Amino acid sequence: MLEIVAQDRPGLLYDIGSTLARLGCNIEVALIDTEGQKAIDVFYLTEQTKKLNAEKQQSLREALQSALG
């Protein structure tokens, strides 16, 4: 499960989705919400139908921090 809370802006969901796709993550479920100017997005992710291992989780964390920084 990946939860992202960030300032909402045009292109935010695209940046998240393209980062997930680039790293080979599949989105099984996505819950997208906006409260005022805050985006609250929750994704249930897999890689080749399996949970993400610790190494993939770390890579994903770093890539998202860079993309959304």
PDB file of N, CA and C in Angstrom:
ATOM      1  N   MET A   1       0.842  -1.165   0.000  1.00  0.00           N
ATOM      2  CA  MET A   1       0.000   0.000   0.000  1.00  0.00           C
ATOM      3  C   MET A   1       0.894   1.238   0.000  1.00  0.00           C
ATOM      4  N   LEU A   2       0.534   2.182  -0.838  1.00  0.00           N
ATOM      5  CA  LEU A   2       1.254   3.452  -0.938  1.00  0.00           C
ATOM      6  C   LEU A   2       0.254   4.564  -0.692  1.00  0.00           C
ATOM      7  N   GLU A   3       0.549   5.424   0.258  1.00  0.00           N
ATOM      8  CA  GLU A   3      -0.298   6.580   0.528  1.00  0.00           C
ATOM      9  C   GLU A   3       0.513   7.845   0.282  1.00  0.00           C
ATOM     10  N   ILE A   4      -0.060   8.723  -0.507  1.00  0.00           N
ATOM     11  CA  ILE A   4       0.599   9.988  -0.812  1.00  0.00           C
ATOM     12  C   ILE A   4      -0.333  11.114  -0.406  1.00  0.00           C
ATOM     13  N   VAL A   5       0.173  12.008   0.434  1.00  0.00           N
ATOM     14  CA  VAL A   5      -0.541  13.227   0.808  1.00  0.00           C
ATOM     15  C   VAL A   5       0.338  14.369   0.345  1.00  0.00           C
ATOM     16  N   ALA A   6      -0.205  15.180  -0.556  1.00  0.00           N
ATOM     17  CA  ALA A   6       0.605  16.252  -1.142  1.00  0.00           C
ATOM     18  C   ALA A   6      -0.289  17.429  -1.520  1.00  0.00           C
ATOM     19  N   GLN A   7       0.339  18.560  -1.742  1.00  0.00           N
ATOM     20  CA  GLN A   7      -0.364  19.719  -2.268  1.00  0.00           C
ATOM     21  C   GLN A   7      -0.888  19.356  -3.654  1.00  0.00           C
ATOM     22  N   ASP A   8      -2.184  19.527  -3.878  1.00  0.00           N
ATOM     23  CA  ASP A   8      -2.760  19.214  -5.177  1.00  0.00           C
ATOM     24  C   ASP A   8      -2.268  20.219  -6.211  1.00  0.00           C
ATOM     25  N   ARG A   9      -2.041  19.722  -7.407  1.00  0.00           N
ATOM     26  CA  ARG A   9      -1.591  20.581  -8.504  1.00  0.00           C
ATOM     27  C   ARG A   9      -1.877  19.876  -9.814  1.00  0.00           C
ATOM     28  N   PRO A  10      -1.956  20.631 -10.906  1.00  0.00           N
ATOM     29  CA  PRO A  10      -2.145  19.988 -12.207  1.00  0.00           C
ATOM     30  C   PRO A  10      -0.978  19.039 -12.497  1.00  0.00           C
ATOM     31  N   GLY A  11      -1.293  17.843 -12.946  1.00  0.00           N
ATOM     32  CA  GLY A  11      -0.267  16.881 -13.322  1.00  0.00           C
ATOM     33  C   GLY A  11       0.220  15.988 -12.191  1.00  0.00           C
ATOM     34  N   LEU A  12      -0.279  16.183 -10.969  1.00  0.00           N
ATOM     35  CA  LEU A  12       0.190  15.381  -9.838  1.00  0.00           C
ATOM     36  C   LEU A  12      -0.085  13.893 -10.064  1.00  0.00           C
ATOM     37  N   LEU A  13      -1.309  13.555 -10.422  1.00  0.00           N
ATOM     38  CA  LEU A  13      -1.652  12.149 -10.625  1.00  0.00           C
ATOM     39  C   LEU A  13      -0.860  11.549 -11.791  1.00  0.00           C
ATOM     40  N   TYR A  14      -0.632  12.337 -12.832  1.00  0.00           N
ATOM     41  CA  TYR A  14       0.194  11.867 -13.950  1.00  0.00           C
ATOM     42  C   TYR A  14       1.613  11.569 -13.486  1.00  0.00           C
ATOM     43  N   ASP A  15       2.195  12.457 -12.687  1.00  0.00           N
ATOM     44  CA  ASP A  15       3.558  12.247 -12.196  1.00  0.00           C
ATOM     45  C   ASP A  15       3.652  10.983 -11.343  1.00  0.00           C
ATOM     46  N   ILE A  16       2.662  10.765 -10.501  1.00  0.00           N
ATOM     47  CA  ILE A  16       2.647   9.560  -9.676  1.00  0.00           C
ATOM     48  C   ILE A  16       2.506   8.323 -10.555  1.00  0.00           C
ATOM     49  N   GLY A  17       1.520   8.328 -11.439  1.00  0.00           N
ATOM     50  CA  GLY A  17       1.261   7.169 -12.296  1.00  0.00           C
ATOM     51  C   GLY A  17       2.416   6.827 -13.214  1.00  0.00           C
ATOM     52  N   SER A  18       3.044   7.834 -13.799  1.00  0.00           N
ATOM     53  CA  SER A  18       4.162   7.558 -14.703  1.00  0.00           C
ATOM     54  C   SER A  18       5.369   7.019 -13.939  1.00  0.00           C
ATOM     55  N   THR A  19       5.571   7.476 -12.707  1.00  0.00           N
ATOM     56  CA  THR A  19       6.660   6.948 -11.880  1.00  0.00           C
ATOM     57  C   THR A  19       6.400   5.488 -11.534  1.00  0.00           C
ATOM     58  N   LEU A  20       5.170   5.171 -11.153  1.00  0.00           N
ATOM     59  CA  LEU A  20       4.813   3.783 -10.841  1.00  0.00           C
ATOM     60  C   LEU A  20       5.005   2.893 -12.063  1.00  0.00           C
ATOM     61  N   ALA A  21       4.572   3.354 -13.221  1.00  0.00           N
ATOM     62  CA  ALA A  21       4.697   2.565 -14.452  1.00  0.00           C
ATOM     63  C   ALA A  21       6.164   2.349 -14.821  1.00  0.00           C
ATOM     64  N   ARG A  22       6.967   3.398 -14.694  1.00  0.00           N
ATOM     65  CA  ARG A  22       8.393   3.301 -15.044  1.00  0.00           C
ATOM     66  C   ARG A  22       9.104   2.255 -14.192  1.00  0.00           C
ATOM     67  N   LEU A  23       8.659   2.102 -12.943  1.00  0.00           N
ATOM     68  CA  LEU A  23       9.277   1.128 -12.042  1.00  0.00           C
ATOM     69  C   LEU A  23       8.615  -0.246 -12.107  1.00  0.00           C
ATOM     70  N   GLY A  24       7.661  -0.422 -13.015  1.00  0.00           N
ATOM     71  CA  GLY A  24       7.049  -1.736 -13.211  1.00  0.00           C
ATOM     72  C   GLY A  24       6.009  -2.116 -12.177  1.00  0.00           C
ATOM     73  N   CYS A  25       5.416  -1.133 -11.523  1.00  0.00           N
ATOM     74  CA  CYS A  25       4.390  -1.409 -10.512  1.00  0.00           C
ATOM     75  C   CYS A  25       3.012  -1.458 -11.172  1.00  0.00           C
ATOM     76  N   ASN A  26       2.198  -2.382 -10.724  1.00  0.00           N
ATOM     77  CA  ASN A  26       0.809  -2.466 -11.171  1.00  0.00           C
ATOM     78  C   ASN A  26      -0.079  -1.885 -10.084  1.00  0.00           C
ATOM     79  N   ILE A  27      -1.011  -1.048 -10.477  1.00  0.00           N
ATOM     80  CA  ILE A  27      -1.978  -0.489  -9.536  1.00  0.00           C
ATOM     81  C   ILE A  27      -3.181  -1.422  -9.520  1.00  0.00           C
ATOM     82  N   GLU A  28      -3.377  -2.089  -8.391  1.00  0.00           N
ATOM     83  CA  GLU A  28      -4.512  -3.000  -8.249  1.00  0.00           C
ATOM     84  C   GLU A  28      -5.767  -2.229  -7.846  1.00  0.00           C
ATOM     85  N   VAL A  29      -5.620  -1.261  -6.951  1.00  0.00           N
ATOM     86  CA  VAL A  29      -6.721  -0.414  -6.483  1.00  0.00           C
ATOM     87  C   VAL A  29      -6.162   0.984  -6.272  1.00  0.00           C
ATOM     88  N   ALA A  30      -6.929   1.990  -6.656  1.00  0.00           N
ATOM     89  CA  ALA A  30      -6.538   3.377  -6.419  1.00  0.00           C
ATOM     90  C   ALA A  30      -7.708   4.113  -5.780  1.00  0.00           C
ATOM     91  N   LEU A  31      -7.429   4.805  -4.701  1.00  0.00           N
ATOM     92  CA  LEU A  31      -8.414   5.649  -4.027  1.00  0.00           C
ATOM     93  C   LEU A  31      -7.887   7.077  -4.093  1.00  0.00           C
ATOM     94  N   ILE A  32      -8.570   7.920  -4.838  1.00  0.00           N
ATOM     95  CA  ILE A  32      -8.097   9.275  -5.104  1.00  0.00           C
ATOM     96  C   ILE A  32      -9.072  10.253  -4.464  1.00  0.00           C
ATOM     97  N   ASP A  33      -8.551  11.186  -3.670  1.00  0.00           N
ATOM     98  CA  ASP A  33      -9.407  12.153  -3.002  1.00  0.00           C
ATOM     99  C   ASP A  33      -8.683  13.491  -2.931  1.00  0.00           C
ATOM    100  N   THR A  34      -9.464  14.551  -2.897  1.00  0.00           N
ATOM    101  CA  THR A  34      -8.920  15.891  -2.723  1.00  0.00           C
ATOM    102  C   THR A  34      -9.738  16.592  -1.654  1.00  0.00           C
ATOM    103  N   GLU A  35      -9.052  17.183  -0.705  1.00  0.00           N
ATOM    104  CA  GLU A  35      -9.683  17.987   0.339  1.00  0.00           C
ATOM    105  C   GLU A  35      -9.092  19.377   0.261  1.00  0.00           C
ATOM    106  N   GLY A  36      -9.849  20.300  -0.272  1.00  0.00           N
ATOM    107  CA  GLY A  36      -9.324  21.650  -0.482  1.00  0.00           C
ATOM    108  C   GLY A  36      -8.181  21.600  -1.475  1.00  0.00           C
ATOM    109  N   GLN A  37      -7.020  22.029  -1.046  1.00  0.00           N
ATOM    110  CA  GLN A  37      -5.830  22.020  -1.913  1.00  0.00           C
ATOM    111  C   GLN A  37      -4.934  20.818  -1.645  1.00  0.00           C
ATOM    112  N   LYS A  38      -5.401  19.857  -0.848  1.00  0.00           N
ATOM    113  CA  LYS A  38      -4.593  18.701  -0.468  1.00  0.00           C
ATOM    114  C   LYS A  38      -5.095  17.455  -1.189  1.00  0.00           C
ATOM    115  N   ALA A  39      -4.186  16.745  -1.842  1.00  0.00           N
ATOM    116  CA  ALA A  39      -4.502  15.472  -2.500  1.00  0.00           C
ATOM    117  C   ALA A  39      -4.140  14.337  -1.551  1.00  0.00           C
ATOM    118  N   ILE A  40      -5.052  13.395  -1.411  1.00  0.00           N
ATOM    119  CA  ILE A  40      -4.818  12.212  -0.593  1.00  0.00           C
ATOM    120  C   ILE A  40      -5.081  11.009  -1.487  1.00  0.00           C
ATOM    121  N   ASP A  41      -4.020  10.344  -1.887  1.00  0.00           N
ATOM    122  CA  ASP A  41      -4.112   9.239  -2.838  1.00  0.00           C
ATOM    123  C   ASP A  41      -3.552   7.970  -2.206  1.00  0.00           C
ATOM    124  N   VAL A  42      -4.289   6.881  -2.334  1.00  0.00           N
ATOM    125  CA  VAL A  42      -3.863   5.588  -1.807  1.00  0.00           C
ATOM    126  C   VAL A  42      -3.859   4.589  -2.951  1.00  0.00           C
ATOM    127  N   PHE A  43      -2.764   3.867  -3.085  1.00  0.00           N
ATOM    128  CA  PHE A  43      -2.613   2.876  -4.149  1.00  0.00           C
ATOM    129  C   PHE A  43      -2.245   1.535  -3.535  1.00  0.00           C
ATOM    130  N   TYR A  44      -2.878   0.493  -3.996  1.00  0.00           N
ATOM    131  CA  TYR A  44      -2.482  -0.868  -3.638  1.00  0.00           C
ATOM    132  C   TYR A  44      -1.701  -1.401  -4.833  1.00  0.00           C
ATOM    133  N   LEU A  45      -0.427  -1.683  -4.615  1.00  0.00           N
ATOM    134  CA  LEU A  45       0.501  -1.992  -5.701  1.00  0.00           C
ATOM    135  C   LEU A  45       0.984  -3.435  -5.651  1.00  0.00           C
ATOM    136  N   THR A  46       1.275  -3.956  -6.841  1.00  0.00           N
ATOM    137  CA  THR A  46       1.939  -5.246  -6.970  1.00  0.00           C
ATOM    138  C   THR A  46       2.978  -5.134  -8.076  1.00  0.00           C
ATOM    139  N   GLU A  47       3.837  -6.137  -8.098  1.00  0.00           N
ATOM    140  CA  GLU A  47       4.791  -6.280  -9.200  1.00  0.00           C
ATOM    141  C   GLU A  47       4.723  -7.734  -9.620  1.00  0.00           C
ATOM    142  N   GLN A  48       4.259  -7.972 -10.826  1.00  0.00           N
ATOM    143  CA  GLN A  48       4.063  -9.329 -11.337  1.00  0.00           C
ATOM    144  C   GLN A  48       3.207 -10.145 -10.365  1.00  0.00           C
ATOM    145  N   THR A  49       2.093  -9.566  -9.955  1.00  0.00           N
ATOM    146  CA  THR A  49       1.081 -10.148  -9.053  1.00  0.00           C
ATOM    147  C   THR A  49       1.568 -10.410  -7.632  1.00  0.00           C
ATOM    148  N   LYS A  50       2.748  -9.937  -7.268  1.00  0.00           N
ATOM    149  CA  LYS A  50       3.286 -10.145  -5.918  1.00  0.00           C
ATOM    150  C   LYS A  50       3.456  -8.814  -5.203  1.00  0.00           C
ATOM    151  N   LYS A  51       3.500  -8.866  -3.871  1.00  0.00           N
ATOM    152  CA  LYS A  51       3.772  -7.662  -3.092  1.00  0.00           C
ATOM    153  C   LYS A  51       5.165  -7.140  -3.427  1.00  0.00           C
ATOM    154  N   LEU A  52       5.345  -5.849  -3.256  1.00  0.00           N
ATOM    155  CA  LEU A  52       6.645  -5.248  -3.520  1.00  0.00           C
ATOM    156  C   LEU A  52       7.621  -5.617  -2.408  1.00  0.00           C
ATOM    157  N   ASN A  53       8.824  -6.033  -2.805  1.00  0.00           N
ATOM    158  CA  ASN A  53       9.838  -6.351  -1.799  1.00  0.00           C
ATOM    159  C   ASN A  53      10.442  -5.055  -1.253  1.00  0.00           C
ATOM    160  N   ALA A  54      11.245  -5.179  -0.210  1.00  0.00           N
ATOM    161  CA  ALA A  54      11.818  -4.008   0.465  1.00  0.00           C
ATOM    162  C   ALA A  54      12.670  -3.167  -0.479  1.00  0.00           C
ATOM    163  N   GLU A  55      13.420  -3.806  -1.356  1.00  0.00           N
ATOM    164  CA  GLU A  55      14.274  -3.073  -2.301  1.00  0.00           C
ATOM    165  C   GLU A  55      13.424  -2.248  -3.264  1.00  0.00           C
ATOM    166  N   LYS A  56      12.357  -2.834  -3.782  1.00  0.00           N
ATOM    167  CA  LYS A  56      11.466  -2.128  -4.713  1.00  0.00           C
ATOM    168  C   LYS A  56      10.758  -0.984  -3.991  1.00  0.00           C
ATOM    169  N   GLN A  57      10.362  -1.201  -2.746  1.00  0.00           N
ATOM    170  CA  GLN A  57       9.708  -0.145  -1.973  1.00  0.00           C
ATOM    171  C   GLN A  57      10.640   1.049  -1.791  1.00  0.00           C
ATOM    172  N   GLN A  58      11.905   0.780  -1.507  1.00  0.00           N
ATOM    173  CA  GLN A  58      12.877   1.858  -1.345  1.00  0.00           C
ATOM    174  C   GLN A  58      13.104   2.599  -2.659  1.00  0.00           C
ATOM    175  N   SER A  59      13.228   1.874  -3.756  1.00  0.00           N
ATOM    176  CA  SER A  59      13.396   2.502  -5.075  1.00  0.00           C
ATOM    177  C   SER A  59      12.203   3.384  -5.406  1.00  0.00           C
ATOM    178  N   LEU A  60      11.015   2.879  -5.096  1.00  0.00           N
ATOM    179  CA  LEU A  60       9.797   3.625  -5.352  1.00  0.00           C
ATOM    180  C   LEU A  60       9.742   4.897  -4.503  1.00  0.00           C
ATOM    181  N   ARG A  61      10.099   4.784  -3.254  1.00  0.00           N
ATOM    182  CA  ARG A  61      10.111   5.939  -2.348  1.00  0.00           C
ATOM    183  C   ARG A  61      11.049   7.026  -2.894  1.00  0.00           C
ATOM    184  N   GLU A  62      12.240   6.637  -3.290  1.00  0.00           N
ATOM    185  CA  GLU A  62      13.218   7.602  -3.810  1.00  0.00           C
ATOM    186  C   GLU A  62      12.749   8.240  -5.111  1.00  0.00           C
ATOM    187  N   ALA A  63      12.183   7.425  -5.999  1.00  0.00           N
ATOM    188  CA  ALA A  63      11.717   7.945  -7.290  1.00  0.00           C
ATOM    189  C   ALA A  63      10.555   8.911  -7.102  1.00  0.00           C
ATOM    190  N   LEU A  64       9.635   8.600  -6.210  1.00  0.00           N
ATOM    191  CA  LEU A  64       8.506   9.489  -5.966  1.00  0.00           C
ATOM    192  C   LEU A  64       8.945  10.783  -5.289  1.00  0.00           C
ATOM    193  N   GLN A  65       9.871  10.702  -4.384  1.00  0.00           N
ATOM    194  CA  GLN A  65      10.380  11.918  -3.739  1.00  0.00           C
ATOM    195  C   GLN A  65      11.029  12.834  -4.769  1.00  0.00           C
ATOM    196  N   SER A  66      11.742  12.240  -5.702  1.00  0.00           N
ATOM    197  CA  SER A  66      12.374  13.016  -6.766  1.00  0.00           C
ATOM    198  C   SER A  66      11.338  13.624  -7.711  1.00  0.00           C
ATOM    199  N   ALA A  67      10.350  12.824  -8.103  1.00  0.00           N
ATOM    200  CA  ALA A  67       9.337  13.281  -9.052  1.00  0.00           C
ATOM    201  C   ALA A  67       8.395  14.322  -8.456  1.00  0.00           C
ATOM    202  N   LEU A  68       8.125  14.198  -7.164  1.00  0.00           N
ATOM    203  CA  LEU A  68       7.145  15.096  -6.536  1.00  0.00           C
ATOM    204  C   LEU A  68       7.795  16.202  -5.724  1.00  0.00           C
ATOM    205  N   GLY A  69       9.127  16.066  -5.515  1.00  0.00           N
ATOM    206  CA  GLY A  69       9.907  16.975  -4.689  1.00  0.00           C
ATOM    207  C   GLY A  69       9.550  18.367  -4.754  1.00  0.00           C
TER     208      GLY A  69
END
